[in-house]
Amino acid sequence: MMERIPMTHAITMDAEFLSDGQTPLFIRRVSPEKYRAQLIFIHASLVHSEYYLPIALKWAQEGIRVILPDLEGHGRSQGTRGHLRHFSQHVNDIQRIYAHLHQHYSAPIFIGGESYGALMAYLACQEELPDVLGAILIAPSFGLQLTLPTWVYYVMTHIVHPLLPKLRPLRPLPVQGVSIHPDISRIIMEDRNVNRFYTLGFLVNLWKAQKEAKQRPLPHLPILTLLSTDDAVTRNDETETLLKPHHDLELHYHNASAHSLIADQPDFVFQKSVAWMARQLRAESLKRRPMGTLS
C-alpha cells in the first residue's frame, strides 16, 4: 500500500468547468496536499460525479488526486440531457481531461470508471496515452442483462433511431438492481441531476460502444476489474470473455453487492484499487530507475 498521507495534511475539494473550446464539462477535484498519482474516474450513466466523492476522499487520503467529471449531458455538464449523437463524444470527454492533466501536472495518471463509465474508460485506454499507468474497471457494461429479440433490436437501431434519435421513455427508468441499500435508491429517485430518461440515441450508442470494445485490440495497459457476482444490470460473462485474454489483468469478485460495488462495498473497492495502484506505481518506478542503482 502507498505511504499514507497523514490526516493533518489538507485535502482540497474544488470544482470548475473545463472550457477548451468544446462543450464545457463540470469537473470536481479532490486533491491531497501531496500526491503521487492522479485518477480520472468516470461515473455510471444513471448518476453523476457527486456520488463518488466519498470514495474519492478515501483515495485522496492515500495520496491519489481524484478527478471526477460529469460527462456531456450528465450532471452539471452542458449537452443534451441523457442523449448521445455518438459514443465517441464521451470518449473524447475523457481524452480532453487527460490532455489537460498531462499538460499541467507531472504525476502519473490512472483512468477508471463504474458501469457505463468503465466502458468509456476502457475505450479511452485503447488509445496510446503517455503517463497512463492502468485502468480500473468496476462492473463495466460490456454487456447488459437486458436482452431483446433480434427483430426488436433491428427495428430500434435501423428504423426508429434514424427517425427519432431523441425519443425518450414515458416513465423514468427503474433503479432496482443498482444497490442493495434502499436509501441509495431513494436518493437517486429524488435527484434531479440523474438521468432516468435516456434517449434512444443513448441506448443505441451504448450498444455501438460495446461492439467497438469487443472488436478492437485489448489495451496494453494493466487492468484492474472488480465485479459483483449478483449483478443484475451487466453481464459478468461478457466482461470475462473480453478481458481474460489480457496479459496483465487482475480480476476480483464480491458476493454481497448489487450492480454498484462503490455504493454497496466501498471498502472492497478502495482496498483492492489502492493496493493495485501502489503495485503499478512501484513497477513504473523500477522501470525508470537507472541501471545499476541499488534499492
C-alpha atoms as a PDB file:
ATOM      1  CA  MET A   1       0.000   0.000   0.000  1.00  0.00           C
ATOM      2  CA  MET A   2       1.153   3.533  -0.662  1.00  0.00           C
ATOM      3  CA  GLU A   3       2.644   5.645   2.092  1.00  0.00           C
ATOM      4  CA  ARG A   4      -0.414   7.114   3.762  1.00  0.00           C
ATOM      5  CA  ILE A   5      -0.850  10.870   3.683  1.00  0.00           C
ATOM      6  CA  PRO A   6      -1.398  11.989   7.312  1.00  0.00           C
ATOM      7  CA  MET A   7      -4.876  13.326   8.025  1.00  0.00           C
ATOM      8  CA  THR A   8      -3.302  16.560   9.294  1.00  0.00           C
ATOM      9  CA  HIS A   9      -2.384  17.336   5.680  1.00  0.00           C
ATOM     10  CA  ALA A  10      -5.023  19.270   3.818  1.00  0.00           C
ATOM     11  CA  ILE A  11      -7.297  17.707   1.241  1.00  0.00           C
ATOM     12  CA  THR A  12      -8.770  20.293  -1.086  1.00  0.00           C
ATOM     13  CA  MET A  13     -12.106  19.830  -2.831  1.00  0.00           C
ATOM     14  CA  ASP A  14     -12.929  22.172  -5.670  1.00  0.00           C
ATOM     15  CA  ALA A  15     -14.763  22.243  -8.985  1.00  0.00           C
ATOM     16  CA  GLU A  16     -14.634  24.058 -12.298  1.00  0.00           C
ATOM     17  CA  PHE A  17     -15.850  23.869 -15.873  1.00  0.00           C
ATOM     18  CA  LEU A  18     -13.288  22.632 -18.379  1.00  0.00           C
ATOM     19  CA  SER A  19     -13.625  25.179 -21.160  1.00  0.00           C
ATOM     20  CA  ASP A  20     -11.317  24.355 -24.042  1.00  0.00           C
ATOM     21  CA  GLY A  21     -13.446  25.429 -26.973  1.00  0.00           C
ATOM     22  CA  GLN A  22     -15.640  22.327 -26.779  1.00  0.00           C
ATOM     23  CA  THR A  23     -18.724  21.524 -24.690  1.00  0.00           C
ATOM     24  CA  PRO A  24     -17.992  22.763 -21.131  1.00  0.00           C
ATOM     25  CA  LEU A  25     -17.546  19.867 -18.702  1.00  0.00           C
ATOM     26  CA  PHE A  26     -18.154  20.158 -14.964  1.00  0.00           C
ATOM     27  CA  ILE A  27     -15.219  18.637 -13.077  1.00  0.00           C
ATOM     28  CA  ARG A  28     -14.763  18.000  -9.355  1.00  0.00           C
ATOM     29  CA  ARG A  29     -11.255  17.605  -7.934  1.00  0.00           C
ATOM     30  CA  VAL A  30     -10.233  16.020  -4.653  1.00  0.00           C
ATOM     31  CA  SER A  31      -6.577  16.881  -4.131  1.00  0.00           C
ATOM     32  CA  PRO A  32      -4.338  15.884  -1.224  1.00  0.00           C
ATOM     33  CA  GLU A  33      -1.563  18.293  -0.313  1.00  0.00           C
ATOM     34  CA  LYS A  34       0.930  15.687  -1.508  1.00  0.00           C
ATOM     35  CA  TYR A  35       0.040  13.164  -4.178  1.00  0.00           C
ATOM     36  CA  ARG A  36       1.923  10.650  -6.266  1.00  0.00           C
ATOM     37  CA  ALA A  37      -0.732   9.803  -8.841  1.00  0.00           C
ATOM     38  CA  GLN A  38      -3.952  11.085 -10.361  1.00  0.00           C
ATOM     39  CA  LEU A  39      -7.119   9.134 -11.082  1.00  0.00           C
ATOM     40  CA  ILE A  40      -9.700  10.212 -13.650  1.00  0.00           C
ATOM     41  CA  PHE A  41     -12.833   8.364 -12.558  1.00  0.00           C
ATOM     42  CA  ILE A  42     -15.969   8.271 -14.721  1.00  0.00           C
ATOM     43  CA  HIS A  43     -19.469   7.951 -13.260  1.00  0.00           C
ATOM     44  CA  ALA A  44     -22.141   5.431 -14.255  1.00  0.00           C
ATOM     45  CA  SER A  45     -24.720   6.592 -16.802  1.00  0.00           C
ATOM     46  CA  LEU A  46     -27.573   6.904 -14.302  1.00  0.00           C
ATOM     47  CA  VAL A  47     -25.786   9.174 -11.833  1.00  0.00           C
ATOM     48  CA  HIS A  48     -23.070  11.857 -11.824  1.00  0.00           C
ATOM     49  CA  SER A  49     -19.757  12.710 -10.180  1.00  0.00           C
ATOM     50  CA  GLU A  50     -21.146  13.735  -6.784  1.00  0.00           C
ATOM     51  CA  TYR A  51     -21.917  10.105  -5.931  1.00  0.00           C
ATOM     52  CA  TYR A  52     -18.199   9.293  -5.980  1.00  0.00           C
ATOM     53  CA  LEU A  53     -16.987  11.962  -3.561  1.00  0.00           C
ATOM     54  CA  PRO A  54     -16.897   9.629  -0.502  1.00  0.00           C
ATOM     55  CA  ILE A  55     -14.540   7.129  -2.118  1.00  0.00           C
ATOM     56  CA  ALA A  56     -12.585   9.968  -3.745  1.00  0.00           C
ATOM     57  CA  LEU A  57     -11.840  11.312  -0.264  1.00  0.00           C
ATOM     58  CA  LYS A  58     -10.555   7.885   0.784  1.00  0.00           C
ATOM     59  CA  TRP A  59      -8.343   7.684  -2.304  1.00  0.00           C
ATOM     60  CA  ALA A  60      -7.040  11.188  -1.559  1.00  0.00           C
ATOM     61  CA  GLN A  61      -6.031  10.091   1.941  1.00  0.00           C
ATOM     62  CA  GLU A  62      -3.765   7.554   0.256  1.00  0.00           C
ATOM     63  CA  GLY A  63      -2.047  10.137  -1.925  1.00  0.00           C
ATOM     64  CA  ILE A  64      -4.238   9.921  -5.036  1.00  0.00           C
ATOM     65  CA  ARG A  65      -5.545  13.113  -6.626  1.00  0.00           C
ATOM     66  CA  VAL A  66      -9.012  12.291  -7.977  1.00  0.00           C
ATOM     67  CA  ILE A  67     -10.673  13.955 -10.958  1.00  0.00           C
ATOM     68  CA  LEU A  68     -14.447  13.406 -11.143  1.00  0.00           C
ATOM     69  CA  PRO A  69     -16.043  14.774 -14.324  1.00  0.00           C
ATOM     70  CA  ASP A  70     -19.669  14.896 -15.336  1.00  0.00           C
ATOM     71  CA  LEU A  71     -19.791  13.567 -18.885  1.00  0.00           C
ATOM     72  CA  GLU A  72     -21.512  15.657 -21.543  1.00  0.00           C
ATOM     73  CA  GLY A  73     -25.275  15.603 -20.973  1.00  0.00           C
ATOM     74  CA  HIS A  74     -24.874  14.380 -17.384  1.00  0.00           C
ATOM     75  CA  GLY A  75     -24.883  16.076 -14.003  1.00  0.00           C
ATOM     76  CA  ARG A  76     -23.891  19.743 -14.280  1.00  0.00           C
ATOM     77  CA  SER A  77     -22.096  19.483 -17.615  1.00  0.00           C
ATOM     78  CA  GLN A  78     -23.628  21.018 -20.696  1.00  0.00           C
ATOM     79  CA  GLY A  79     -25.090  18.963 -23.523  1.00  0.00           C
ATOM     80  CA  THR A  80     -28.467  17.387 -24.245  1.00  0.00           C
ATOM     81  CA  ARG A  81     -29.551  15.530 -21.113  1.00  0.00           C
ATOM     82  CA  GLY A  82     -29.151  11.768 -21.394  1.00  0.00           C
ATOM     83  CA  HIS A  83     -28.527  11.819 -25.144  1.00  0.00           C
ATOM     84  CA  LEU A  84     -25.655  10.809 -27.436  1.00  0.00           C
ATOM     85  CA  ARG A  85     -25.091  11.529 -31.093  1.00  0.00           C
ATOM     86  CA  HIS A  86     -22.182   9.068 -30.956  1.00  0.00           C
ATOM     87  CA  PHE A  87     -20.422   7.345 -28.056  1.00  0.00           C
ATOM     88  CA  SER A  88     -17.137   8.929 -29.165  1.00  0.00           C
ATOM     89  CA  GLN A  89     -18.411  12.149 -27.522  1.00  0.00           C
ATOM     90  CA  HIS A  90     -17.805  10.639 -24.093  1.00  0.00           C
ATOM     91  CA  VAL A  91     -14.509   9.026 -25.064  1.00  0.00           C
ATOM     92  CA  ASN A  92     -13.467  12.481 -26.247  1.00  0.00           C
ATOM     93  CA  ASP A  93     -14.538  13.962 -22.883  1.00  0.00           C
ATOM     94  CA  ILE A  94     -12.077  11.643 -21.129  1.00  0.00           C
ATOM     95  CA  GLN A  95      -9.304  12.397 -23.610  1.00  0.00           C
ATOM     96  CA  ARG A  96      -9.841  16.139 -23.085  1.00  0.00           C
ATOM     97  CA  ILE A  97      -9.486  15.754 -19.323  1.00  0.00           C
ATOM     98  CA  TYR A  98      -6.429  13.548 -19.766  1.00  0.00           C
ATOM     99  CA  ALA A  99      -4.829  16.117 -22.106  1.00  0.00           C
ATOM    100  CA  HIS A 100      -5.409  18.860 -19.513  1.00  0.00           C
ATOM    101  CA  LEU A 101      -3.796  16.810 -16.732  1.00  0.00           C
ATOM    102  CA  HIS A 102      -0.935  15.659 -18.950  1.00  0.00           C
ATOM    103  CA  GLN A 103      -0.171  19.259 -19.893  1.00  0.00           C
ATOM    104  CA  HIS A 104      -0.383  20.848 -16.446  1.00  0.00           C
ATOM    105  CA  TYR A 105       0.606  18.135 -13.929  1.00  0.00           C
ATOM    106  CA  SER A 106       3.521  15.716 -13.787  1.00  0.00           C
ATOM    107  CA  ALA A 107       2.083  12.891 -11.657  1.00  0.00           C
ATOM    108  CA  PRO A 108       1.230   9.557 -13.343  1.00  0.00           C
ATOM    109  CA  ILE A 109      -2.394   9.008 -14.334  1.00  0.00           C
ATOM    110  CA  PHE A 110      -4.884   6.173 -13.909  1.00  0.00           C
ATOM    111  CA  ILE A 111      -8.239   6.108 -15.700  1.00  0.00           C
ATOM    112  CA  GLY A 112     -11.230   4.296 -14.247  1.00  0.00           C
ATOM    113  CA  GLY A 113     -14.977   4.187 -14.031  1.00  0.00           C
ATOM    114  CA  GLU A 114     -18.055   2.306 -12.938  1.00  0.00           C
ATOM    115  CA  SER A 115     -20.581   0.606 -15.247  1.00  0.00           C
ATOM    116  CA  TYR A 116     -21.021   2.790 -18.355  1.00  0.00           C
ATOM    117  CA  GLY A 117     -18.160   4.948 -17.076  1.00  0.00           C
ATOM    118  CA  ALA A 118     -15.912   1.875 -17.020  1.00  0.00           C
ATOM    119  CA  LEU A 119     -16.853   1.096 -20.626  1.00  0.00           C
ATOM    120  CA  MET A 120     -15.923   4.639 -21.677  1.00  0.00           C
ATOM    121  CA  ALA A 121     -12.693   4.492 -19.654  1.00  0.00           C
ATOM    122  CA  TYR A 122     -11.791   1.223 -21.385  1.00  0.00           C
ATOM    123  CA  LEU A 123     -12.385   2.720 -24.836  1.00  0.00           C
ATOM    124  CA  ALA A 124     -10.277   5.757 -23.931  1.00  0.00           C
ATOM    125  CA  CYS A 125      -7.455   3.483 -22.776  1.00  0.00           C
ATOM    126  CA  GLN A 126      -7.421   1.669 -26.107  1.00  0.00           C
ATOM    127  CA  GLU A 127      -5.592   4.754 -27.359  1.00  0.00           C
ATOM    128  CA  GLU A 128      -1.903   5.215 -26.576  1.00  0.00           C
ATOM    129  CA  LEU A 129      -1.898   7.772 -23.744  1.00  0.00           C
ATOM    130  CA  PRO A 130       1.525   8.668 -22.282  1.00  0.00           C
ATOM    131  CA  ASP A 131       1.795   8.603 -18.473  1.00  0.00           C
ATOM    132  CA  VAL A 132      -1.371   6.483 -18.053  1.00  0.00           C
ATOM    133  CA  LEU A 133      -0.326   3.519 -15.904  1.00  0.00           C
ATOM    134  CA  GLY A 134      -3.531   1.480 -15.927  1.00  0.00           C
ATOM    135  CA  ALA A 135      -7.309   1.222 -15.989  1.00  0.00           C
ATOM    136  CA  ILE A 136      -9.726   0.477 -13.134  1.00  0.00           C
ATOM    137  CA  LEU A 137     -12.975  -1.064 -14.390  1.00  0.00           C
ATOM    138  CA  ILE A 138     -15.763  -1.549 -11.853  1.00  0.00           C
ATOM    139  CA  ALA A 139     -18.783  -3.542 -13.093  1.00  0.00           C
ATOM    140  CA  PRO A 140     -18.078  -2.472 -16.692  1.00  0.00           C
ATOM    141  CA  SER A 141     -21.062  -2.555 -19.025  1.00  0.00           C
ATOM    142  CA  PHE A 142     -19.583  -4.682 -21.812  1.00  0.00           C
ATOM    143  CA  GLY A 143     -22.929  -6.486 -21.904  1.00  0.00           C
ATOM    144  CA  LEU A 144     -26.369  -5.929 -20.382  1.00  0.00           C
ATOM    145  CA  GLN A 145     -28.607  -8.434 -18.644  1.00  0.00           C
ATOM    146  CA  LEU A 146     -31.492  -6.968 -20.654  1.00  0.00           C
ATOM    147  CA  THR A 147     -31.757  -8.759 -23.987  1.00  0.00           C
ATOM    148  CA  LEU A 148     -34.122  -8.024 -26.858  1.00  0.00           C
ATOM    149  CA  PRO A 149     -35.450 -10.208 -29.658  1.00  0.00           C
ATOM    150  CA  THR A 150     -33.393  -9.753 -32.816  1.00  0.00           C
ATOM    151  CA  TRP A 151     -36.263  -8.162 -34.703  1.00  0.00           C
ATOM    152  CA  VAL A 152     -36.906  -5.613 -31.937  1.00  0.00           C
ATOM    153  CA  TYR A 153     -33.217  -4.698 -31.876  1.00  0.00           C
ATOM    154  CA  TYR A 154     -33.249  -4.260 -35.664  1.00  0.00           C
ATOM    155  CA  VAL A 155     -36.348  -2.052 -35.628  1.00  0.00           C
ATOM    156  CA  MET A 156     -34.931   0.141 -32.843  1.00  0.00           C
ATOM    157  CA  THR A 157     -31.494   0.585 -34.415  1.00  0.00           C
ATOM    158  CA  HIS A 158     -32.312   0.725 -38.135  1.00  0.00           C
ATOM    159  CA  ILE A 159     -35.818   2.187 -38.340  1.00  0.00           C
ATOM    160  CA  VAL A 160     -36.804   4.126 -35.215  1.00  0.00           C
ATOM    161  CA  HIS A 161     -33.402   5.539 -34.233  1.00  0.00           C
ATOM    162  CA  PRO A 162     -32.662   7.283 -37.565  1.00  0.00           C
ATOM    163  CA  LEU A 163     -36.084   8.960 -37.409  1.00  0.00           C
ATOM    164  CA  LEU A 164     -36.395   9.656 -33.662  1.00  0.00           C
ATOM    165  CA  PRO A 165     -32.932   9.640 -32.047  1.00  0.00           C
ATOM    166  CA  LYS A 166     -34.168  11.720 -29.097  1.00  0.00           C
ATOM    167  CA  LEU A 167     -37.158   9.504 -28.339  1.00  0.00           C
ATOM    168  CA  ARG A 168     -37.475   9.035 -24.564  1.00  0.00           C
ATOM    169  CA  PRO A 169     -39.448   6.586 -22.392  1.00  0.00           C
ATOM    170  CA  LEU A 170     -42.744   7.779 -20.949  1.00  0.00           C
ATOM    171  CA  ARG A 171     -41.764   6.642 -17.459  1.00  0.00           C
ATOM    172  CA  PRO A 172     -38.440   7.021 -15.647  1.00  0.00           C
ATOM    173  CA  LEU A 173     -36.132   4.046 -15.844  1.00  0.00           C
ATOM    174  CA  PRO A 174     -36.184   1.884 -12.689  1.00  0.00           C
ATOM    175  CA  VAL A 175     -33.300   1.874 -10.231  1.00  0.00           C
ATOM    176  CA  GLN A 176     -33.815  -1.673  -8.956  1.00  0.00           C
ATOM    177  CA  GLY A 177     -30.616  -3.663  -9.036  1.00  0.00           C
ATOM    178  CA  VAL A 178     -28.322  -0.666  -8.654  1.00  0.00           C
ATOM    179  CA  SER A 179     -27.789  -1.037  -4.897  1.00  0.00           C
ATOM    180  CA  ILE A 180     -28.849  -3.290  -2.055  1.00  0.00           C
ATOM    181  CA  HIS A 181     -29.418  -0.194   0.108  1.00  0.00           C
ATOM    182  CA  PRO A 182     -32.938   1.318  -0.151  1.00  0.00           C
ATOM    183  CA  ASP A 183     -31.638   4.751   0.900  1.00  0.00           C
ATOM    184  CA  ILE A 184     -29.331   4.920  -2.119  1.00  0.00           C
ATOM    185  CA  SER A 185     -32.176   4.036  -4.463  1.00  0.00           C
ATOM    186  CA  ARG A 186     -34.330   6.707  -2.828  1.00  0.00           C
ATOM    187  CA  ILE A 187     -31.604   9.344  -3.202  1.00  0.00           C
ATOM    188  CA  ILE A 188     -31.246   8.518  -6.897  1.00  0.00           C
ATOM    189  CA  MET A 189     -35.001   8.689  -7.471  1.00  0.00           C
ATOM    190  CA  GLU A 190     -35.194  12.126  -5.816  1.00  0.00           C
ATOM    191  CA  ASP A 191     -32.095  13.579  -7.519  1.00  0.00           C
ATOM    192  CA  ARG A 192     -32.968  15.977 -10.346  1.00  0.00           C
ATOM    193  CA  ASN A 193     -29.466  15.709 -11.824  1.00  0.00           C
ATOM    194  CA  VAL A 194     -29.577  11.975 -12.577  1.00  0.00           C
ATOM    195  CA  ASN A 195     -30.557  10.507 -15.949  1.00  0.00           C
ATOM    196  CA  ARG A 196     -33.669   8.323 -15.824  1.00  0.00           C
ATOM    197  CA  PHE A 197     -34.994   9.289 -19.249  1.00  0.00           C
ATOM    198  CA  TYR A 198     -32.212   8.206 -21.626  1.00  0.00           C
ATOM    199  CA  THR A 199     -32.906   8.816 -25.285  1.00  0.00           C
ATOM    200  CA  LEU A 200     -32.986   6.033 -27.839  1.00  0.00           C
ATOM    201  CA  GLY A 201     -29.801   7.589 -29.205  1.00  0.00           C
ATOM    202  CA  PHE A 202     -28.064   6.927 -25.905  1.00  0.00           C
ATOM    203  CA  LEU A 203     -29.134   3.277 -25.828  1.00  0.00           C
ATOM    204  CA  VAL A 204     -28.166   2.643 -29.453  1.00  0.00           C
ATOM    205  CA  ASN A 205     -24.762   4.223 -28.885  1.00  0.00           C
ATOM    206  CA  LEU A 206     -24.259   2.139 -25.757  1.00  0.00           C
ATOM    207  CA  TRP A 207     -24.717  -0.944 -27.938  1.00  0.00           C
ATOM    208  CA  LYS A 208     -22.315   0.502 -30.512  1.00  0.00           C
ATOM    209  CA  ALA A 209     -19.724   1.195 -27.817  1.00  0.00           C
ATOM    210  CA  GLN A 210     -19.982  -2.380 -26.529  1.00  0.00           C
ATOM    211  CA  LYS A 211     -19.432  -3.685 -30.047  1.00  0.00           C
ATOM    212  CA  GLU A 212     -16.473  -1.354 -30.578  1.00  0.00           C
ATOM    213  CA  ALA A 213     -14.838  -2.508 -27.338  1.00  0.00           C
ATOM    214  CA  LYS A 214     -15.013  -6.142 -28.436  1.00  0.00           C
ATOM    215  CA  GLN A 215     -13.753  -5.543 -31.975  1.00  0.00           C
ATOM    216  CA  ARG A 216     -10.660  -3.513 -31.169  1.00  0.00           C
ATOM    217  CA  PRO A 217      -7.403  -4.932 -29.725  1.00  0.00           C
ATOM    218  CA  LEU A 218      -7.007  -5.145 -25.968  1.00  0.00           C
ATOM    219  CA  PRO A 219      -5.241  -2.158 -24.363  1.00  0.00           C
ATOM    220  CA  HIS A 220      -1.582  -2.615 -23.485  1.00  0.00           C
ATOM    221  CA  LEU A 221      -2.149  -1.103 -20.035  1.00  0.00           C
ATOM    222  CA  PRO A 222      -2.576  -3.140 -16.833  1.00  0.00           C
ATOM    223  CA  ILE A 223      -6.254  -3.538 -15.919  1.00  0.00           C
ATOM    224  CA  LEU A 224      -7.960  -3.988 -12.547  1.00  0.00           C
ATOM    225  CA  THR A 225     -11.530  -5.266 -12.814  1.00  0.00           C
ATOM    226  CA  LEU A 226     -13.975  -5.609  -9.908  1.00  0.00           C
ATOM    227  CA  LEU A 227     -17.278  -7.451 -10.351  1.00  0.00           C
ATOM    228  CA  SER A 228     -20.337  -8.331  -8.286  1.00  0.00           C
ATOM    229  CA  THR A 229     -21.347 -11.977  -8.532  1.00  0.00           C
ATOM    230  CA  ASP A 230     -25.018 -10.933  -8.213  1.00  0.00           C
ATOM    231  CA  ASP A 231     -25.001  -8.109 -10.766  1.00  0.00           C
ATOM    232  CA  ALA A 232     -28.493  -7.810 -12.250  1.00  0.00           C
ATOM    233  CA  VAL A 233     -27.562  -4.985 -14.646  1.00  0.00           C
ATOM    234  CA  THR A 234     -24.415  -6.024 -16.514  1.00  0.00           C
ATOM    235  CA  ARG A 235     -23.189  -9.427 -17.651  1.00  0.00           C
ATOM    236  CA  ASN A 236     -20.035 -10.732 -15.997  1.00  0.00           C
ATOM    237  CA  ASP A 237     -19.583 -13.381 -18.680  1.00  0.00           C
ATOM    238  CA  GLU A 238     -19.200 -10.667 -21.328  1.00  0.00           C
ATOM    239  CA  THR A 239     -16.530  -8.977 -19.219  1.00  0.00           C
ATOM    240  CA  GLU A 240     -14.691 -12.242 -18.598  1.00  0.00           C
ATOM    241  CA  THR A 241     -14.735 -13.240 -22.274  1.00  0.00           C
ATOM    242  CA  LEU A 242     -13.332  -9.871 -23.324  1.00  0.00           C
ATOM    243  CA  LEU A 243     -10.711  -9.311 -20.635  1.00  0.00           C
ATOM    244  CA  LYS A 244      -9.389 -12.718 -19.561  1.00  0.00           C
ATOM    245  CA  PRO A 245      -7.002 -12.943 -22.562  1.00  0.00           C
ATOM    246  CA  HIS A 246      -5.381  -9.689 -21.379  1.00  0.00           C
ATOM    247  CA  HIS A 247      -1.717 -10.143 -20.442  1.00  0.00           C
ATOM    248  CA  ASP A 248      -1.938  -8.045 -17.248  1.00  0.00           C
ATOM    249  CA  LEU A 249      -5.431  -8.420 -15.781  1.00  0.00           C
ATOM    250  CA  GLU A 250      -6.293  -8.514 -12.083  1.00  0.00           C
ATOM    251  CA  LEU A 251      -9.893  -9.635 -11.517  1.00  0.00           C
ATOM    252  CA  HIS A 252     -11.809  -9.809  -8.229  1.00  0.00           C
ATOM    253  CA  TYR A 253     -15.419 -10.625  -7.331  1.00  0.00           C
ATOM    254  CA  HIS A 254     -17.631  -9.686  -4.377  1.00  0.00           C
ATOM    255  CA  ASN A 255     -20.682 -11.763  -3.465  1.00  0.00           C
ATOM    256  CA  ALA A 256     -22.595  -9.240  -1.328  1.00  0.00           C
ATOM    257  CA  SER A 257     -23.320  -6.391  -3.694  1.00  0.00           C
ATOM    258  CA  ALA A 258     -25.784  -5.331  -6.351  1.00  0.00           C
ATOM    259  CA  HIS A 259     -24.545  -3.622  -9.517  1.00  0.00           C
ATOM    260  CA  SER A 260     -22.806  -0.675  -7.850  1.00  0.00           C
ATOM    261  CA  LEU A 261     -19.869  -2.016  -5.879  1.00  0.00           C
ATOM    262  CA  ILE A 262     -18.917   1.529  -4.922  1.00  0.00           C
ATOM    263  CA  ALA A 263     -22.329   2.054  -3.313  1.00  0.00           C
ATOM    264  CA  ASP A 264     -22.559  -1.351  -1.637  1.00  0.00           C
ATOM    265  CA  GLN A 265     -18.952  -2.364  -0.920  1.00  0.00           C
ATOM    266  CA  PRO A 266     -16.803   0.793  -0.938  1.00  0.00           C
ATOM    267  CA  ASP A 267     -14.147  -0.715   1.356  1.00  0.00           C
ATOM    268  CA  PHE A 268     -13.671  -3.634  -1.049  1.00  0.00           C
ATOM    269  CA  VAL A 269     -13.249  -1.242  -3.990  1.00  0.00           C
ATOM    270  CA  PHE A 270     -10.962   1.042  -2.007  1.00  0.00           C
ATOM    271  CA  GLN A 271      -8.660  -1.683  -0.688  1.00  0.00           C
ATOM    272  CA  LYS A 272      -8.318  -3.512  -3.998  1.00  0.00           C
ATOM    273  CA  SER A 273      -7.783  -0.336  -6.021  1.00  0.00           C
ATOM    274  CA  VAL A 274      -5.273   1.272  -3.665  1.00  0.00           C
ATOM    275  CA  ALA A 275      -3.164  -1.889  -3.445  1.00  0.00           C
ATOM    276  CA  TRP A 276      -3.268  -2.319  -7.227  1.00  0.00           C
ATOM    277  CA  MET A 277      -2.317   1.310  -7.939  1.00  0.00           C
ATOM    278  CA  ALA A 278       0.566   1.006  -5.481  1.00  0.00           C
ATOM    279  CA  ARG A 279       1.902  -2.014  -7.382  1.00  0.00           C
ATOM    280  CA  GLN A 280       1.668  -0.184 -10.705  1.00  0.00           C
ATOM    281  CA  LEU A 281       3.493   2.819  -9.272  1.00  0.00           C
ATOM    282  CA  ARG A 282       6.246   0.604  -7.855  1.00  0.00           C
ATOM    283  CA  ALA A 283       6.628  -1.164 -11.185  1.00  0.00           C
ATOM    284  CA  GLU A 284       6.845   2.164 -13.002  1.00  0.00           C
ATOM    285  CA  SER A 285       9.415   3.423 -10.503  1.00  0.00           C
ATOM    286  CA  LEU A 286      11.586   0.350 -11.107  1.00  0.00           C
ATOM    287  CA  LYS A 287      11.372   0.826 -14.877  1.00  0.00           C
ATOM    288  CA  ARG A 288      12.576   4.416 -14.556  1.00  0.00           C
ATOM    289  CA  ARG A 289      15.394   3.608 -12.129  1.00  0.00           C
ATOM    290  CA  PRO A 290      18.831   3.872 -13.792  1.00  0.00           C
ATOM    291  CA  MET A 291      20.536   0.542 -14.400  1.00  0.00           C
ATOM    292  CA  GLY A 292      22.911  -0.418 -11.614  1.00  0.00           C
ATOM    293  CA  THR A 293      21.008   1.545  -8.964  1.00  0.00           C
ATOM    294  CA  LEU A 294      20.596  -0.391  -5.730  1.00  0.00           C
ATOM    295  CA  SER A 295      17.260  -0.306  -3.911  1.00  0.00           C
END
